[in-house]
Amino acid sequence: MINLKSPREIALMQESGRIIGLLFKEIKPFIKPGVSTLEIDEECERIIRREGGVPASKGYYGFPGAVCVSVNETLVHGIPSSKIILREGDIVTIDVVVKKAGYHADAARTFPVGIISERARRLIETTRESWWYASQFIKEGNKLGDISHAIQQYNEARGYSIPRDFTGHGIGREMHEDPSIPNYGNAGSGVTLQEGMALAIEPMVAEGKPQVRVLGDGWTAKMKDGKLSAHYENTVIVTKDGFLPLTLEEEEKN
């Protein structure tokens, strides 16, 4: 069941989203060679709690981190660790869900660590660009498949693949709500978008083949071929004429 959000609920989700946008801004200078993914996690939690939010991932089905921190070939759900140390040239994704006053927002960004290769930079940029390309289809009356197809088309046309094990999702009172939002599909298919839908849309893109493997910890999902992956996600509210983004940094809004 898809729950349409009231103006009051949207305002509460905007506050959770504001915290995420601020977190992405503040964490950038912290991401550098020699820093562990656990230190990143601890800094993210500090920012979230300072702003009155709760890191919703912490304890979610036993997940130990405040955020997911995924390095290089780790696609999603990287568990923060004191043993995983960032190195020059790495890329690292921070996937964060904030809950405040009972409502969630969810977003992810892939960051460079120091100076990165041109191929890594291109992967990060293409993943981000595919979100914005697909965003033109986020408005009342369009189909969910229009978004999914646009993400797939944009990335595959540039030589990348779309892992099919993980999807975007609805969001609100719960971290994961209906509908599921694949990063692949057919235009004109799926549910019709309605004003008030809250969607976490999240292209997850691979440099090589799309197959993943989940480690024995039950969380960490890595690309089977060991090649790089990137992730870009925002929570949005569908409107009559487009969408209201909730999780952007201030600079991204301009």
C-alpha atoms as a PDB file:
ATOM      1  CA  MET A   1       0.000   0.000   0.000  1.00  0.00           C
ATOM      2  CA  ILE A   2       1.345   3.407  -0.999  1.00  0.00           C
ATOM      3  CA  ASN A   3       0.810   6.145   1.603  1.00  0.00           C
ATOM      4  CA  LEU A   4       0.443   9.670   0.236  1.00  0.00           C
ATOM      5  CA  LYS A   5       2.009  12.246   2.538  1.00  0.00           C
ATOM      6  CA  SER A   6       0.124  15.219   3.971  1.00  0.00           C
ATOM      7  CA  PRO A   7       1.671  18.706   4.099  1.00  0.00           C
ATOM      8  CA  ARG A   8       2.421  18.129   7.797  1.00  0.00           C
ATOM      9  CA  GLU A   9       4.197  14.848   7.069  1.00  0.00           C
ATOM     10  CA  ILE A  10       6.155  16.410   4.215  1.00  0.00           C
ATOM     11  CA  ALA A  11       7.356  19.191   6.529  1.00  0.00           C
ATOM     12  CA  LEU A  12       8.590  16.612   9.037  1.00  0.00           C
ATOM     13  CA  MET A  13      10.384  14.675   6.308  1.00  0.00           C
ATOM     14  CA  GLN A  14      11.960  17.922   5.087  1.00  0.00           C
ATOM     15  CA  GLU A  15      13.574  18.331   8.492  1.00  0.00           C
ATOM     16  CA  SER A  16      15.068  14.836   8.343  1.00  0.00           C
ATOM     17  CA  GLY A  17      16.249  15.602   4.815  1.00  0.00           C
ATOM     18  CA  ARG A  18      17.808  18.889   5.936  1.00  0.00           C
ATOM     19  CA  ILE A  19      19.995  16.967   8.377  1.00  0.00           C
ATOM     20  CA  ILE A  20      21.197  14.666   5.600  1.00  0.00           C
ATOM     21  CA  GLY A  21      22.071  17.576   3.291  1.00  0.00           C
ATOM     22  CA  LEU A  22      24.019  19.187   6.128  1.00  0.00           C
ATOM     23  CA  LEU A  23      25.777  15.894   6.899  1.00  0.00           C
ATOM     24  CA  PHE A  24      26.999  15.525   3.312  1.00  0.00           C
ATOM     25  CA  LYS A  25      28.390  19.053   3.400  1.00  0.00           C
ATOM     26  CA  GLU A  26      30.141  18.629   6.732  1.00  0.00           C
ATOM     27  CA  ILE A  27      31.554  15.158   6.115  1.00  0.00           C
ATOM     28  CA  LYS A  28      33.423  16.036   2.896  1.00  0.00           C
ATOM     29  CA  PRO A  29      36.592  17.398   4.537  1.00  0.00           C
ATOM     30  CA  PHE A  30      36.607  14.399   6.880  1.00  0.00           C
ATOM     31  CA  ILE A  31      36.949  11.947   3.964  1.00  0.00           C
ATOM     32  CA  LYS A  32      40.671  11.583   3.334  1.00  0.00           C
ATOM     33  CA  PRO A  33      43.396   8.944   3.240  1.00  0.00           C
ATOM     34  CA  GLY A  34      44.138   7.348   6.607  1.00  0.00           C
ATOM     35  CA  VAL A  35      40.623   7.684   8.005  1.00  0.00           C
ATOM     36  CA  SER A  36      38.761   4.496   8.910  1.00  0.00           C
ATOM     37  CA  THR A  37      35.187   3.845   7.877  1.00  0.00           C
ATOM     38  CA  LEU A  38      34.336   3.559  11.580  1.00  0.00           C
ATOM     39  CA  GLU A  39      35.613   7.099  12.157  1.00  0.00           C
ATOM     40  CA  ILE A  40      33.396   8.294   9.302  1.00  0.00           C
ATOM     41  CA  ASP A  41      30.452   6.496  10.875  1.00  0.00           C
ATOM     42  CA  GLU A  42      31.094   8.089  14.258  1.00  0.00           C
ATOM     43  CA  GLU A  43      31.341  11.571  12.747  1.00  0.00           C
ATOM     44  CA  CYS A  44      28.097  11.049  10.822  1.00  0.00           C
ATOM     45  CA  GLU A  45      26.313   9.938  13.985  1.00  0.00           C
ATOM     46  CA  ARG A  46      27.631  12.965  15.847  1.00  0.00           C
ATOM     47  CA  ILE A  47      26.203  15.309  13.197  1.00  0.00           C
ATOM     48  CA  ILE A  48      22.844  13.533  13.083  1.00  0.00           C
ATOM     49  CA  ARG A  49      22.367  13.575  16.866  1.00  0.00           C
ATOM     50  CA  ARG A  50      23.589  17.171  17.172  1.00  0.00           C
ATOM     51  CA  GLU A  51      20.743  18.168  14.852  1.00  0.00           C
ATOM     52  CA  GLY A  52      18.157  16.251  16.877  1.00  0.00           C
ATOM     53  CA  GLY A  53      17.874  13.268  14.552  1.00  0.00           C
ATOM     54  CA  VAL A  54      18.333   9.544  15.005  1.00  0.00           C
ATOM     55  CA  PRO A  55      20.527   7.374  12.727  1.00  0.00           C
ATOM     56  CA  ALA A  56      17.795   4.984  11.647  1.00  0.00           C
ATOM     57  CA  SER A  57      20.167   2.343  10.266  1.00  0.00           C
ATOM     58  CA  LYS A  58      21.705   1.714  13.687  1.00  0.00           C
ATOM     59  CA  GLY A  59      20.215  -1.525  14.982  1.00  0.00           C
ATOM     60  CA  TYR A  60      18.015  -1.990  11.897  1.00  0.00           C
ATOM     61  CA  TYR A  61      17.774  -5.788  11.670  1.00  0.00           C
ATOM     62  CA  GLY A  62      20.990  -5.818  13.663  1.00  0.00           C
ATOM     63  CA  PHE A  63      23.028  -3.453  11.461  1.00  0.00           C
ATOM     64  CA  PRO A  64      25.752  -2.034  13.738  1.00  0.00           C
ATOM     65  CA  GLY A  65      26.520   1.280  12.034  1.00  0.00           C
ATOM     66  CA  ALA A  66      24.851   4.682  12.103  1.00  0.00           C
ATOM     67  CA  VAL A  67      25.399   4.818   8.312  1.00  0.00           C
ATOM     68  CA  CYS A  68      26.526   2.401   5.609  1.00  0.00           C
ATOM     69  CA  VAL A  69      30.081   3.117   4.433  1.00  0.00           C
ATOM     70  CA  SER A  70      30.974   1.253   1.226  1.00  0.00           C
ATOM     71  CA  VAL A  71      34.419   1.418  -0.381  1.00  0.00           C
ATOM     72  CA  ASN A  72      35.302   0.784  -4.055  1.00  0.00           C
ATOM     73  CA  GLU A  73      33.754  -2.543  -5.150  1.00  0.00           C
ATOM     74  CA  THR A  74      31.343  -2.602  -2.191  1.00  0.00           C
ATOM     75  CA  LEU A  75      28.024  -1.625  -3.754  1.00  0.00           C
ATOM     76  CA  VAL A  76      25.908  -1.151  -0.622  1.00  0.00           C
ATOM     77  CA  HIS A  77      25.596  -1.923   3.106  1.00  0.00           C
ATOM     78  CA  GLY A  78      29.264  -1.647   4.016  1.00  0.00           C
ATOM     79  CA  ILE A  79      29.649  -2.117   7.777  1.00  0.00           C
ATOM     80  CA  PRO A  80      31.814   0.616   9.351  1.00  0.00           C
ATOM     81  CA  SER A  81      35.088  -0.824  10.657  1.00  0.00           C
ATOM     82  CA  SER A  82      38.276   0.371  12.328  1.00  0.00           C
ATOM     83  CA  LYS A  83      40.118  -2.064  10.043  1.00  0.00           C
ATOM     84  CA  ILE A  84      38.955  -0.504   6.763  1.00  0.00           C
ATOM     85  CA  ILE A  85      41.241   2.482   6.165  1.00  0.00           C
ATOM     86  CA  LEU A  86      40.682   4.835   3.252  1.00  0.00           C
ATOM     87  CA  ARG A  87      43.532   5.136   0.778  1.00  0.00           C
ATOM     88  CA  GLU A  88      44.388   7.743  -1.840  1.00  0.00           C
ATOM     89  CA  GLY A  89      42.378   6.996  -4.979  1.00  0.00           C
ATOM     90  CA  ASP A  90      39.550   5.108  -3.257  1.00  0.00           C
ATOM     91  CA  ILE A  91      35.919   6.026  -3.689  1.00  0.00           C
ATOM     92  CA  VAL A  92      33.552   5.712  -0.734  1.00  0.00           C
ATOM     93  CA  THR A  93      29.773   5.786  -0.506  1.00  0.00           C
ATOM     94  CA  ILE A  94      27.904   7.054   2.531  1.00  0.00           C
ATOM     95  CA  ASP A  95      24.281   5.905   2.650  1.00  0.00           C
ATOM     96  CA  VAL A  96      22.370   7.561   5.472  1.00  0.00           C
ATOM     97  CA  VAL A  97      18.818   7.363   6.816  1.00  0.00           C
ATOM     98  CA  VAL A  98      17.737   9.960   9.368  1.00  0.00           C
ATOM     99  CA  LYS A  99      14.606   9.764  11.484  1.00  0.00           C
ATOM    100  CA  LYS A 100      13.261  12.794  13.310  1.00  0.00           C
ATOM    101  CA  ALA A 101       9.824  13.313  14.832  1.00  0.00           C
ATOM    102  CA  GLY A 102       8.763   9.913  13.510  1.00  0.00           C
ATOM    103  CA  TYR A 103       9.619  10.439   9.826  1.00  0.00           C
ATOM    104  CA  HIS A 104      12.542   9.308   7.680  1.00  0.00           C
ATOM    105  CA  ALA A 105      14.648  10.634   4.832  1.00  0.00           C
ATOM    106  CA  ASP A 106      17.257   8.590   2.961  1.00  0.00           C
ATOM    107  CA  ALA A 107      20.134   9.555   0.657  1.00  0.00           C
ATOM    108  CA  ALA A 108      23.535   8.390  -0.569  1.00  0.00           C
ATOM    109  CA  ARG A 109      26.598   9.947  -2.156  1.00  0.00           C
ATOM    110  CA  THR A 110      29.840   8.493  -3.468  1.00  0.00           C
ATOM    111  CA  PHE A 111      32.881  10.624  -2.581  1.00  0.00           C
ATOM    112  CA  PRO A 112      36.466  10.660  -3.898  1.00  0.00           C
ATOM    113  CA  VAL A 113      39.304   9.992  -1.464  1.00  0.00           C
ATOM    114  CA  GLY A 114      42.110  12.360  -2.388  1.00  0.00           C
ATOM    115  CA  ILE A 115      43.018  12.293  -6.080  1.00  0.00           C
ATOM    116  CA  ILE A 116      41.112   9.580  -7.945  1.00  0.00           C
ATOM    117  CA  SER A 117      41.435   8.103 -11.417  1.00  0.00           C
ATOM    118  CA  GLU A 118      39.548   9.488 -14.394  1.00  0.00           C
ATOM    119  CA  ARG A 119      37.565   6.243 -14.674  1.00  0.00           C
ATOM    120  CA  ALA A 120      36.474   6.480 -11.026  1.00  0.00           C
ATOM    121  CA  ARG A 121      35.511  10.135 -11.453  1.00  0.00           C
ATOM    122  CA  ARG A 122      33.497   9.307 -14.557  1.00  0.00           C
ATOM    123  CA  LEU A 123      31.624   6.532 -12.736  1.00  0.00           C
ATOM    124  CA  ILE A 124      30.672   8.829  -9.858  1.00  0.00           C
ATOM    125  CA  GLU A 125      29.576  11.584 -12.219  1.00  0.00           C
ATOM    126  CA  THR A 126      27.569   9.299 -14.493  1.00  0.00           C
ATOM    127  CA  THR A 127      25.744   7.766 -11.532  1.00  0.00           C
ATOM    128  CA  ARG A 128      24.806  11.231 -10.266  1.00  0.00           C
ATOM    129  CA  GLU A 129      23.862  12.441 -13.729  1.00  0.00           C
ATOM    130  CA  SER A 130      21.585   9.434 -14.253  1.00  0.00           C
ATOM    131  CA  TRP A 131      19.561  10.446 -11.200  1.00  0.00           C
ATOM    132  CA  TRP A 132      19.082  13.949 -12.534  1.00  0.00           C
ATOM    133  CA  TYR A 133      18.293  12.691 -16.014  1.00  0.00           C
ATOM    134  CA  ALA A 134      15.596  10.418 -14.569  1.00  0.00           C
ATOM    135  CA  SER A 135      14.264  13.214 -12.365  1.00  0.00           C
ATOM    136  CA  GLN A 136      12.530  14.818 -15.353  1.00  0.00           C
ATOM    137  CA  PHE A 137      10.018  11.957 -15.160  1.00  0.00           C
ATOM    138  CA  ILE A 138       9.157  12.511 -11.480  1.00  0.00           C
ATOM    139  CA  LYS A 139       5.761  14.186 -11.604  1.00  0.00           C
ATOM    140  CA  GLU A 140       2.127  13.313 -11.120  1.00  0.00           C
ATOM    141  CA  GLY A 141       0.661  11.215 -13.943  1.00  0.00           C
ATOM    142  CA  ASN A 142       3.883   9.577 -15.072  1.00  0.00           C
ATOM    143  CA  LYS A 143       4.651   5.922 -14.421  1.00  0.00           C
ATOM    144  CA  LEU A 144       7.222   4.574 -12.010  1.00  0.00           C
ATOM    145  CA  GLY A 145       8.733   2.615 -14.902  1.00  0.00           C
ATOM    146  CA  ASP A 146       9.545   5.899 -16.638  1.00  0.00           C
ATOM    147  CA  ILE A 147      12.045   6.660 -13.863  1.00  0.00           C
ATOM    148  CA  SER A 148      13.457   3.135 -13.758  1.00  0.00           C
ATOM    149  CA  HIS A 149      13.889   2.991 -17.535  1.00  0.00           C
ATOM    150  CA  ALA A 150      15.614   6.380 -17.637  1.00  0.00           C
ATOM    151  CA  ILE A 151      18.192   5.324 -15.035  1.00  0.00           C
ATOM    152  CA  GLN A 152      18.913   2.082 -16.882  1.00  0.00           C
ATOM    153  CA  GLN A 153      19.089   3.728 -20.293  1.00  0.00           C
ATOM    154  CA  TYR A 154      21.410   6.528 -19.183  1.00  0.00           C
ATOM    155  CA  ASN A 155      23.943   4.252 -17.514  1.00  0.00           C
ATOM    156  CA  GLU A 156      23.938   1.386 -19.996  1.00  0.00           C
ATOM    157  CA  ALA A 157      24.386   3.820 -22.903  1.00  0.00           C
ATOM    158  CA  ARG A 158      27.654   4.855 -21.238  1.00  0.00           C
ATOM    159  CA  GLY A 159      28.942   1.327 -20.775  1.00  0.00           C
ATOM    160  CA  TYR A 160      27.893   0.689 -17.180  1.00  0.00           C
ATOM    161  CA  SER A 161      25.685  -2.017 -15.725  1.00  0.00           C
ATOM    162  CA  ILE A 162      22.793  -1.974 -13.252  1.00  0.00           C
ATOM    163  CA  PRO A 163      22.880  -4.510 -10.397  1.00  0.00           C
ATOM    164  CA  ARG A 164      19.361  -5.882  -9.944  1.00  0.00           C
ATOM    165  CA  ASP A 165      19.591  -7.128  -6.369  1.00  0.00           C
ATOM    166  CA  PHE A 166      18.729  -3.786  -4.752  1.00  0.00           C
ATOM    167  CA  THR A 167      16.140  -1.104  -5.462  1.00  0.00           C
ATOM    168  CA  GLY A 168      14.858   2.247  -4.337  1.00  0.00           C
ATOM    169  CA  HIS A 169      11.682   2.439  -2.293  1.00  0.00           C
ATOM    170  CA  GLY A 170       8.918   4.467  -0.775  1.00  0.00           C
ATOM    171  CA  ILE A 171       9.653   6.118   2.563  1.00  0.00           C
ATOM    172  CA  GLY A 172       7.922   7.962   5.387  1.00  0.00           C
ATOM    173  CA  ARG A 173       7.047   6.669   8.835  1.00  0.00           C
ATOM    174  CA  GLU A 174       8.979   3.555   7.858  1.00  0.00           C
ATOM    175  CA  MET A 175      12.438   3.430   6.312  1.00  0.00           C
ATOM    176  CA  HIS A 176      11.152   1.162   3.534  1.00  0.00           C
ATOM    177  CA  GLU A 177       7.606   1.532   2.228  1.00  0.00           C
ATOM    178  CA  ASP A 178       5.839   0.747  -1.034  1.00  0.00           C
ATOM    179  CA  PRO A 179       6.535   1.058  -3.887  1.00  0.00           C
ATOM    180  CA  SER A 180       9.760  -0.710  -4.843  1.00  0.00           C
ATOM    181  CA  ILE A 181      11.723   1.369  -7.386  1.00  0.00           C
ATOM    182  CA  PRO A 182      14.067  -0.707  -9.585  1.00  0.00           C
ATOM    183  CA  ASN A 183      16.891   0.983 -11.465  1.00  0.00           C
ATOM    184  CA  TYR A 184      15.814  -0.829 -14.622  1.00  0.00           C
ATOM    185  CA  GLY A 185      12.516  -1.406 -16.381  1.00  0.00           C
ATOM    186  CA  ASN A 186      10.144  -0.400 -19.131  1.00  0.00           C
ATOM    187  CA  ALA A 187       8.856   3.096 -19.732  1.00  0.00           C
ATOM    188  CA  GLY A 188       5.097   3.354 -19.263  1.00  0.00           C
ATOM    189  CA  SER A 189       4.975   0.463 -16.783  1.00  0.00           C
ATOM    190  CA  GLY A 190       4.312   0.298 -13.057  1.00  0.00           C
ATOM    191  CA  VAL A 191       2.212   2.405 -10.734  1.00  0.00           C
ATOM    192  CA  THR A 192       1.088   5.905 -11.643  1.00  0.00           C
ATOM    193  CA  LEU A 193       2.842   8.667  -9.726  1.00  0.00           C
ATOM    194  CA  GLN A 194       0.578  10.751  -7.509  1.00  0.00           C
ATOM    195  CA  GLU A 195       1.091  14.012  -5.686  1.00  0.00           C
ATOM    196  CA  GLY A 196       2.279  13.296  -2.154  1.00  0.00           C
ATOM    197  CA  MET A 197       4.206  10.113  -2.895  1.00  0.00           C
ATOM    198  CA  ALA A 198       7.517   9.996  -1.024  1.00  0.00           C
ATOM    199  CA  LEU A 199      10.205   8.147  -2.970  1.00  0.00           C
ATOM    200  CA  ALA A 200      13.840   7.256  -2.283  1.00  0.00           C
ATOM    201  CA  ILE A 201      15.291   6.959  -5.786  1.00  0.00           C
ATOM    202  CA  GLU A 202      18.804   5.519  -5.857  1.00  0.00           C
ATOM    203  CA  PRO A 203      20.827   4.550  -8.920  1.00  0.00           C
ATOM    204  CA  MET A 204      23.420   1.906  -7.978  1.00  0.00           C
ATOM    205  CA  VAL A 205      25.822   1.539 -10.871  1.00  0.00           C
ATOM    206  CA  ALA A 206      28.658  -0.883 -11.639  1.00  0.00           C
ATOM    207  CA  GLU A 207      31.758  -0.399 -13.740  1.00  0.00           C
ATOM    208  CA  GLY A 208      31.818  -4.073 -14.764  1.00  0.00           C
ATOM    209  CA  LYS A 209      29.277  -6.870 -14.628  1.00  0.00           C
ATOM    210  CA  PRO A 210      26.109  -6.470 -12.513  1.00  0.00           C
ATOM    211  CA  GLN A 211      26.416  -9.576 -10.322  1.00  0.00           C
ATOM    212  CA  VAL A 212      26.987  -9.084  -6.590  1.00  0.00           C
ATOM    213  CA  ARG A 213      27.872 -11.315  -3.660  1.00  0.00           C
ATOM    214  CA  VAL A 214      26.877 -10.772  -0.041  1.00  0.00           C
ATOM    215  CA  LEU A 215      29.553 -11.526   2.524  1.00  0.00           C
ATOM    216  CA  GLY A 216      29.112 -13.789   5.513  1.00  0.00           C
ATOM    217  CA  ASP A 217      28.196 -10.811   7.708  1.00  0.00           C
ATOM    218  CA  GLY A 218      24.842 -10.819   5.905  1.00  0.00           C
ATOM    219  CA  TRP A 219      25.154  -7.163   4.872  1.00  0.00           C
ATOM    220  CA  THR A 220      28.198  -6.215   2.801  1.00  0.00           C
ATOM    221  CA  ALA A 221      27.331  -6.497  -0.914  1.00  0.00           C
ATOM    222  CA  LYS A 222      30.345  -6.488  -3.229  1.00  0.00           C
ATOM    223  CA  MET A 223      30.637  -6.641  -6.993  1.00  0.00           C
ATOM    224  CA  LYS A 224      31.607 -10.200  -7.911  1.00  0.00           C
ATOM    225  CA  ASP A 225      34.177  -9.057 -10.469  1.00  0.00           C
ATOM    226  CA  GLY A 226      35.823  -6.681  -7.998  1.00  0.00           C
ATOM    227  CA  LYS A 227      35.256  -3.593 -10.139  1.00  0.00           C
ATOM    228  CA  LEU A 228      34.138  -0.206  -8.891  1.00  0.00           C
ATOM    229  CA  SER A 229      30.555   0.751  -8.049  1.00  0.00           C
ATOM    230  CA  ALA A 230      28.844   4.022  -7.193  1.00  0.00           C
ATOM    231  CA  HIS A 231      25.578   5.117  -5.610  1.00  0.00           C
ATOM    232  CA  TYR A 232      23.543   8.339  -5.669  1.00  0.00           C
ATOM    233  CA  GLU A 233      20.233   8.694  -3.841  1.00  0.00           C
ATOM    234  CA  ASN A 234      17.748  11.367  -2.847  1.00  0.00           C
ATOM    235  CA  THR A 235      14.368  11.337  -1.138  1.00  0.00           C
ATOM    236  CA  VAL A 236      11.742  13.328  -3.055  1.00  0.00           C
ATOM    237  CA  ILE A 237       8.050  14.188  -2.822  1.00  0.00           C
ATOM    238  CA  VAL A 238       6.059  13.903  -6.046  1.00  0.00           C
ATOM    239  CA  THR A 239       4.185  17.100  -6.961  1.00  0.00           C
ATOM    240  CA  LYS A 240       1.763  17.965  -9.758  1.00  0.00           C
ATOM    241  CA  ASP A 241       4.463  19.570 -11.864  1.00  0.00           C
ATOM    242  CA  GLY A 242       7.586  17.750 -10.694  1.00  0.00           C
ATOM    243  CA  PHE A 243       9.101  16.953  -7.343  1.00  0.00           C
ATOM    244  CA  LEU A 244      10.291  18.441  -4.081  1.00  0.00           C
ATOM    245  CA  PRO A 245      13.810  17.210  -3.183  1.00  0.00           C
ATOM    246  CA  LEU A 246      14.394  16.726   0.536  1.00  0.00           C
ATOM    247  CA  THR A 247      18.030  15.637   0.856  1.00  0.00           C
ATOM    248  CA  LEU A 248      20.146  18.040  -1.191  1.00  0.00           C
ATOM    249  CA  GLU A 249      23.034  20.137   0.070  1.00  0.00           C
ATOM    250  CA  GLU A 250      22.333  23.858  -0.146  1.00  0.00           C
ATOM    251  CA  GLU A 251      24.725  24.184  -3.093  1.00  0.00           C
ATOM    252  CA  GLU A 252      22.826  21.469  -5.010  1.00  0.00           C
ATOM    253  CA  LYS A 253      19.554  23.392  -4.731  1.00  0.00           C
ATOM    254  CA  ASN A 254      20.818  26.307  -6.812  1.00  0.00           C
END
